[in-house]
N, C-alpha and C. Protein backbone atom coordinates (compact mmCIF):
# COMPACT_ATOMS: atom_id res chain seq x y z
N MET A 1 -3.01 21.76 6.00
CA MET A 1 -3.69 21.96 5.00
C MET A 1 -2.86 20.31 4.92
N ALA A 2 -3.25 19.10 4.27
CA ALA A 2 -3.37 17.58 3.99
C ALA A 2 -1.79 17.39 3.39
N ILE A 3 -0.47 16.83 3.96
CA ILE A 3 0.54 16.30 3.57
C ILE A 3 0.16 15.74 2.47
N ALA A 4 -0.76 14.66 2.47
CA ALA A 4 -0.95 13.72 1.28
C ALA A 4 -2.46 13.20 1.12
N ARG A 5 -3.08 12.31 -0.16
CA ARG A 5 -4.36 12.38 -0.18
C ARG A 5 -4.96 11.33 -0.63
N PHE A 6 -6.20 10.54 -1.07
CA PHE A 6 -6.12 9.70 -1.22
C PHE A 6 -5.66 8.09 -1.09
N PRO A 7 -5.62 7.60 0.53
CA PRO A 7 -5.08 6.47 0.42
C PRO A 7 -4.89 5.18 -0.12
N SER A 8 -4.56 4.49 -0.89
CA SER A 8 -4.94 2.80 -0.79
C SER A 8 -4.16 2.50 -0.25
N PHE A 9 -5.37 1.42 -0.45
CA PHE A 9 -4.26 -0.08 0.98
C PHE A 9 -3.43 -1.08 -0.14
N VAL A 10 -3.07 -1.83 0.45
CA VAL A 10 -1.63 -2.62 -0.40
C VAL A 10 -2.19 -3.81 0.16
N ILE A 11 -2.35 -4.77 -0.28
CA ILE A 11 -2.72 -6.34 0.31
C ILE A 11 -2.01 -7.53 0.19
N ASP A 12 -0.80 -7.32 1.15
CA ASP A 12 0.04 -9.04 0.34
C ASP A 12 -0.52 -9.96 0.50
N CYS A 13 0.08 -10.99 -1.10
CA CYS A 13 -0.85 -12.04 -1.19
C CYS A 13 0.32 -12.86 -2.13
N PRO A 14 -0.70 -14.26 -2.18
CA PRO A 14 0.74 -14.80 -3.18
C PRO A 14 -0.05 -14.96 -4.17
N GLU A 15 -1.05 -14.51 -4.84
CA GLU A 15 -1.89 -14.28 -6.12
C GLU A 15 -2.39 -13.22 -6.43
N PRO A 16 -1.99 -12.00 -6.68
CA PRO A 16 -2.25 -10.86 -6.73
C PRO A 16 -3.67 -10.66 -7.71
N ALA A 17 -3.23 -11.58 -8.86
CA ALA A 17 -4.54 -11.40 -10.11
C ALA A 17 -5.76 -11.98 -9.82
N ALA A 18 -5.66 -13.25 -9.04
CA ALA A 18 -6.76 -13.91 -8.05
C ALA A 18 -7.29 -13.51 -6.89
N LEU A 19 -6.71 -12.61 -6.17
CA LEU A 19 -7.55 -12.12 -5.03
C LEU A 19 -7.76 -10.33 -5.39
N ALA A 20 -7.36 -9.95 -6.83
CA ALA A 20 -7.90 -8.78 -7.42
C ALA A 20 -9.38 -9.10 -7.80
N ALA A 21 -8.98 -10.27 -8.60
CA ALA A 21 -10.79 -10.25 -9.06
C ALA A 21 -11.84 -11.16 -8.57
N PHE A 22 -11.10 -10.75 -7.14
CA PHE A 22 -12.65 -11.53 -6.36
C PHE A 22 -13.01 -10.20 -5.64
N TYR A 23 -11.84 -9.36 -5.85
CA TYR A 23 -12.60 -8.09 -4.68
C TYR A 23 -13.47 -7.16 -6.12
N ALA A 24 -13.05 -7.18 -7.34
CA ALA A 24 -13.62 -7.02 -8.15
C ALA A 24 -14.62 -6.96 -8.33
N THR A 25 -14.62 -8.57 -8.41
CA THR A 25 -15.79 -8.51 -8.81
C THR A 25 -17.11 -8.81 -7.56
N MET A 26 -16.43 -8.79 -6.57
CA MET A 26 -17.20 -8.78 -5.30
C MET A 26 -17.99 -6.88 -5.34
N LEU A 27 -16.73 -6.42 -5.61
CA LEU A 27 -17.45 -4.44 -5.32
C LEU A 27 -17.45 -4.15 -6.69
N ASP A 28 -17.72 -5.01 -8.15
CA ASP A 28 -17.98 -4.22 -9.80
C ASP A 28 -17.23 -3.26 -9.42
N TRP A 29 -15.79 -3.62 -8.99
CA TRP A 29 -14.73 -2.63 -9.33
C TRP A 29 -13.94 -3.03 -10.57
N LYS A 30 -13.63 -1.91 -11.86
CA LYS A 30 -12.49 -2.36 -12.45
C LYS A 30 -10.82 -3.10 -12.08
N SER A 31 -10.03 -4.25 -12.80
CA SER A 31 -8.93 -4.19 -12.48
C SER A 31 -7.99 -3.71 -12.92
N GLU A 32 -6.89 -3.88 -12.90
CA GLU A 32 -5.48 -3.70 -14.23
C GLU A 32 -4.54 -4.66 -13.18
N VAL A 33 -3.83 -5.73 -13.71
CA VAL A 33 -3.01 -6.85 -13.36
C VAL A 33 -2.04 -6.52 -14.06
N SER A 34 -0.69 -6.92 -13.87
CA SER A 34 0.50 -7.43 -14.04
C SER A 34 0.96 -8.67 -13.13
N SER A 35 2.38 -9.08 -13.37
CA SER A 35 2.54 -10.18 -13.15
C SER A 35 2.42 -10.62 -11.23
N ASP A 36 2.87 -9.29 -10.79
CA ASP A 36 3.17 -8.81 -9.71
C ASP A 36 2.63 -8.07 -9.02
N TRP A 37 1.39 -7.87 -9.55
CA TRP A 37 1.03 -6.22 -8.71
C TRP A 37 -0.65 -6.53 -9.36
N ALA A 38 -1.95 -6.64 -8.79
CA ALA A 38 -2.62 -6.05 -9.39
C ALA A 38 -3.71 -4.29 -8.39
N ASP A 39 -4.52 -3.61 -9.18
CA ASP A 39 -5.56 -2.80 -8.58
C ASP A 39 -6.78 -3.43 -9.07
N ILE A 40 -6.93 -2.57 -8.14
CA ILE A 40 -9.11 -2.76 -7.94
C ILE A 40 -9.58 -1.34 -7.76
N ARG A 41 -9.94 -0.64 -8.77
CA ARG A 41 -10.59 0.73 -9.11
C ARG A 41 -12.09 0.95 -9.41
N ALA A 42 -12.84 1.73 -8.22
CA ALA A 42 -13.87 2.55 -8.37
C ALA A 42 -13.94 3.92 -9.16
N ASP A 43 -15.09 3.77 -9.75
CA ASP A 43 -15.15 4.85 -10.34
C ASP A 43 -15.02 6.19 -9.68
N TYR A 44 -15.09 6.41 -8.52
CA TYR A 44 -14.94 7.40 -7.93
C TYR A 44 -13.66 7.62 -7.25
N GLY A 45 -12.64 6.45 -7.69
CA GLY A 45 -11.49 7.00 -7.53
C GLY A 45 -11.15 6.10 -6.54
N GLN A 46 -11.83 5.22 -5.53
CA GLN A 46 -10.87 4.16 -4.44
C GLN A 46 -9.76 3.74 -5.54
N CYS A 47 -8.89 3.14 -4.84
CA CYS A 47 -8.34 2.01 -5.10
C CYS A 47 -8.08 0.22 -3.68
N ILE A 48 -7.85 -0.21 -4.51
CA ILE A 48 -7.18 -1.34 -3.77
C ILE A 48 -6.46 -2.16 -4.12
N SER A 49 -5.01 -1.94 -3.50
CA SER A 49 -4.28 -3.21 -5.12
C SER A 49 -3.97 -4.60 -3.90
N PHE A 50 -2.57 -4.78 -4.55
CA PHE A 50 -2.02 -6.74 -4.22
C PHE A 50 -0.82 -6.12 -4.89
N GLN A 51 -0.39 -7.18 -4.13
CA GLN A 51 1.18 -7.24 -4.37
C GLN A 51 1.23 -8.53 -4.09
N ARG A 52 2.19 -9.37 -5.04
CA ARG A 52 2.84 -10.74 -5.00
C ARG A 52 4.04 -10.60 -3.54
N VAL A 53 3.75 -11.40 -3.04
CA VAL A 53 5.05 -11.77 -1.88
C VAL A 53 5.30 -13.54 -1.63
N GLU A 54 6.39 -13.31 -1.96
CA GLU A 54 7.24 -14.97 -2.44
C GLU A 54 7.20 -15.26 -0.86
N ASP A 55 6.82 -17.03 -0.51
CA ASP A 55 6.63 -17.43 0.71
C ASP A 55 5.00 -16.70 1.38
N TYR A 56 4.20 -16.39 1.08
CA TYR A 56 3.34 -15.81 1.66
C TYR A 56 2.80 -16.30 2.76
N ALA A 57 2.58 -15.72 4.14
CA ALA A 57 1.88 -16.83 4.79
C ALA A 57 0.36 -16.05 5.20
N PRO A 58 -0.48 -16.76 5.59
CA PRO A 58 -1.55 -15.98 5.24
C PRO A 58 -2.01 -15.39 6.98
N PRO A 59 -2.53 -14.17 7.32
CA PRO A 59 -2.68 -13.80 9.29
C PRO A 59 -3.45 -15.20 9.69
N ARG A 60 -2.83 -15.14 10.65
CA ARG A 60 -3.87 -16.12 11.93
C ARG A 60 -4.54 -15.56 12.40
N TRP A 61 -5.95 -14.68 11.86
CA TRP A 61 -6.87 -14.10 12.95
C TRP A 61 -7.32 -14.69 13.87
N PRO A 62 -7.87 -14.16 14.91
CA PRO A 62 -7.33 -13.10 15.43
C PRO A 62 -6.27 -13.15 16.10
N ALA A 63 -5.76 -14.64 15.80
CA ALA A 63 -4.15 -14.34 16.63
C ALA A 63 -2.97 -13.68 16.01
N GLN A 64 -2.50 -13.51 16.56
CA GLN A 64 -1.63 -12.27 16.17
C GLN A 64 0.06 -13.00 15.44
N GLU A 65 0.01 -14.32 15.47
CA GLU A 65 1.52 -15.21 15.40
C GLU A 65 1.90 -14.80 14.42
N VAL A 66 0.83 -14.53 13.09
CA VAL A 66 1.06 -14.32 11.73
C VAL A 66 0.39 -12.84 12.06
N PRO A 67 0.43 -12.12 11.68
CA PRO A 67 -0.28 -10.56 11.90
C PRO A 67 -0.79 -10.49 10.40
N GLN A 68 -1.45 -9.85 10.09
CA GLN A 68 -2.37 -9.68 9.25
C GLN A 68 -1.43 -8.45 8.12
N GLN A 69 -1.20 -8.31 7.07
CA GLN A 69 -0.80 -8.13 5.57
C GLN A 69 -0.88 -6.99 5.29
N MET A 70 -0.79 -5.63 5.30
CA MET A 70 -0.94 -4.76 4.63
C MET A 70 -0.57 -3.35 4.78
N HIS A 71 -0.78 -2.57 3.77
CA HIS A 71 0.35 -1.14 3.77
C HIS A 71 -1.17 -0.03 3.58
N ILE A 72 -0.60 1.47 3.86
CA ILE A 72 -0.74 2.33 3.53
C ILE A 72 -0.77 2.87 2.71
N ASP A 73 -0.78 3.04 1.29
CA ASP A 73 -0.05 4.06 0.16
C ASP A 73 -0.86 5.34 0.44
N VAL A 74 -0.18 6.57 0.06
CA VAL A 74 -1.02 7.78 -0.08
C VAL A 74 -0.54 8.54 -1.24
N VAL A 75 -0.63 9.35 -1.60
CA VAL A 75 -0.14 9.89 -2.65
C VAL A 75 0.33 11.90 -2.33
N VAL A 76 1.25 11.30 -2.97
CA VAL A 76 1.67 13.08 -2.45
C VAL A 76 2.15 14.27 -3.80
N ASP A 77 1.88 15.13 -4.02
CA ASP A 77 2.36 16.41 -5.04
C ASP A 77 4.47 16.18 -4.91
N ASP A 78 4.37 16.81 -3.86
CA ASP A 78 5.77 16.72 -3.56
C ASP A 78 6.82 15.95 -2.67
N PHE A 79 7.69 14.95 -3.18
CA PHE A 79 7.98 13.89 -1.98
C PHE A 79 9.56 14.60 -1.13
N ASP A 80 9.89 15.67 -1.13
CA ASP A 80 10.39 16.17 0.12
C ASP A 80 10.40 17.25 0.67
N ALA A 81 9.43 17.69 0.35
CA ALA A 81 7.74 18.41 1.54
C ALA A 81 7.19 17.46 2.08
N ALA A 82 6.60 16.44 1.43
CA ALA A 82 5.93 14.92 1.72
C ALA A 82 6.64 14.25 2.94
N GLU A 83 8.33 14.12 2.51
CA GLU A 83 9.30 13.59 3.61
C GLU A 83 9.15 14.25 4.85
N ALA A 84 9.52 15.53 4.93
CA ALA A 84 10.26 16.82 5.69
C ALA A 84 8.40 16.63 7.07
N ALA A 85 7.33 16.38 6.08
CA ALA A 85 6.11 16.96 7.10
C ALA A 85 6.14 15.37 7.80
N VAL A 86 6.13 14.30 7.00
CA VAL A 86 6.47 13.46 7.86
C VAL A 86 7.30 12.80 9.35
N LEU A 87 8.75 13.44 8.60
CA LEU A 87 9.55 12.59 9.80
C LEU A 87 9.04 14.31 11.08
N GLU A 88 8.32 15.15 10.62
CA GLU A 88 8.41 15.91 11.92
C GLU A 88 7.33 15.23 12.99
N LEU A 89 5.89 14.80 11.68
CA LEU A 89 5.45 14.22 12.51
C LEU A 89 5.35 12.73 13.53
N GLY A 90 6.72 11.87 13.28
CA GLY A 90 7.57 11.44 14.25
C GLY A 90 7.76 9.98 13.08
N GLY A 91 7.45 10.03 11.69
CA GLY A 91 7.70 8.86 10.86
C GLY A 91 9.39 9.46 10.65
N VAL A 92 9.53 7.60 10.25
CA VAL A 92 10.85 7.23 10.11
C VAL A 92 10.93 6.73 8.97
N LYS A 93 11.40 7.03 7.68
CA LYS A 93 12.20 6.87 6.74
C LYS A 93 13.24 5.27 6.76
N HIS A 94 12.36 4.65 6.02
CA HIS A 94 13.43 3.24 6.24
C HIS A 94 13.89 3.04 5.44
N GLU A 95 15.21 2.39 5.68
CA GLU A 95 16.24 2.01 4.24
C GLU A 95 16.49 1.56 3.90
N HIS A 96 15.35 0.29 3.44
CA HIS A 96 14.84 -0.39 2.13
C HIS A 96 14.27 0.56 1.57
N GLN A 97 14.92 1.66 0.15
CA GLN A 97 13.23 1.56 -0.84
C GLN A 97 14.18 1.22 -2.15
N PRO A 98 12.96 0.74 -2.74
CA PRO A 98 13.17 -0.62 -3.61
C PRO A 98 12.80 0.50 -4.85
N ALA A 99 12.33 1.20 -4.99
CA ALA A 99 11.69 2.32 -5.73
C ALA A 99 11.32 3.81 -5.74
N PRO A 100 12.30 4.65 -5.15
CA PRO A 100 12.97 6.10 -4.97
C PRO A 100 11.90 6.78 -5.60
N ALA A 101 12.29 6.86 -7.02
CA ALA A 101 11.59 7.65 -7.95
C ALA A 101 10.38 7.78 -7.80
N SER A 102 9.73 6.50 -7.40
CA SER A 102 7.81 5.78 -7.57
C SER A 102 6.78 6.16 -6.53
N PHE A 103 8.32 5.62 -5.09
CA PHE A 103 7.38 5.69 -3.81
C PHE A 103 8.64 5.79 -2.66
N ARG A 104 8.14 6.44 -1.37
CA ARG A 104 9.37 6.03 -0.23
C ARG A 104 8.87 5.27 0.58
N VAL A 105 9.23 4.86 1.15
CA VAL A 105 8.72 3.81 2.47
C VAL A 105 9.38 4.80 3.42
N PHE A 106 8.53 4.78 5.01
CA PHE A 106 8.44 5.13 5.94
C PHE A 106 7.48 4.23 6.87
N LEU A 107 8.01 4.30 8.32
CA LEU A 107 7.34 3.87 9.35
C LEU A 107 6.52 4.76 10.24
N ASP A 108 5.72 4.31 10.51
CA ASP A 108 4.59 5.57 11.56
C ASP A 108 5.22 4.86 12.86
N PRO A 109 4.49 6.34 13.64
CA PRO A 109 5.41 5.71 15.12
C PRO A 109 5.19 4.47 15.83
N ALA A 110 4.32 3.74 15.03
CA ALA A 110 3.77 2.64 15.75
C ALA A 110 4.89 1.53 14.93
N GLY A 111 5.81 1.85 13.92
CA GLY A 111 6.39 0.86 13.09
C GLY A 111 5.91 0.22 12.27
N HIS A 112 4.66 0.47 11.56
CA HIS A 112 3.89 0.09 10.52
C HIS A 112 4.52 0.70 9.45
N PRO A 113 4.83 0.07 8.18
CA PRO A 113 5.42 0.67 7.55
C PRO A 113 4.19 1.35 6.08
N PHE A 114 3.98 2.59 6.12
CA PHE A 114 3.56 3.11 4.32
C PHE A 114 4.06 4.00 3.47
N CYS A 115 4.05 3.84 2.50
CA CYS A 115 4.10 4.92 1.43
C CYS A 115 3.63 6.19 1.17
N LEU A 116 4.81 7.72 0.45
CA LEU A 116 4.54 7.86 0.25
C LEU A 116 4.64 7.82 -1.41
N CYS A 117 3.67 8.42 -2.41
CA CYS A 117 3.65 7.67 -3.53
C CYS A 117 3.27 9.20 -4.99
N LEU A 118 4.05 8.83 -5.75
CA LEU A 118 3.89 10.11 -6.49
C LEU A 118 2.97 9.46 -7.80
N LYS A 119 1.76 10.28 -8.54
CA LYS A 119 1.23 10.10 -9.10
C LYS A 119 0.08 10.83 -10.20
């Protein structure tokens, strides 16, 4: 049985509305924008989100001096059950939890952040 479902990607950027408009137009998806966050959604449920990051530095691809900035959000029905399962798999709950009632931040075994989200 899956622990989570419907992964969405969250991309760091300086202007969420502008980047969302770019991708929404390219993909013909609908957008929802706030001051520091934007979502674009397909009719069939896929979602890409964009979050404002102060002092944003774009990736220097293919070099990794400034790596790519993105993480995965996954939807869960029960925070506590999902958290226990993630910890059992080798994930680590991050000490910084900016909105624990909405999402919980973890690190995968390689140190990449991801979030468990209630939706």
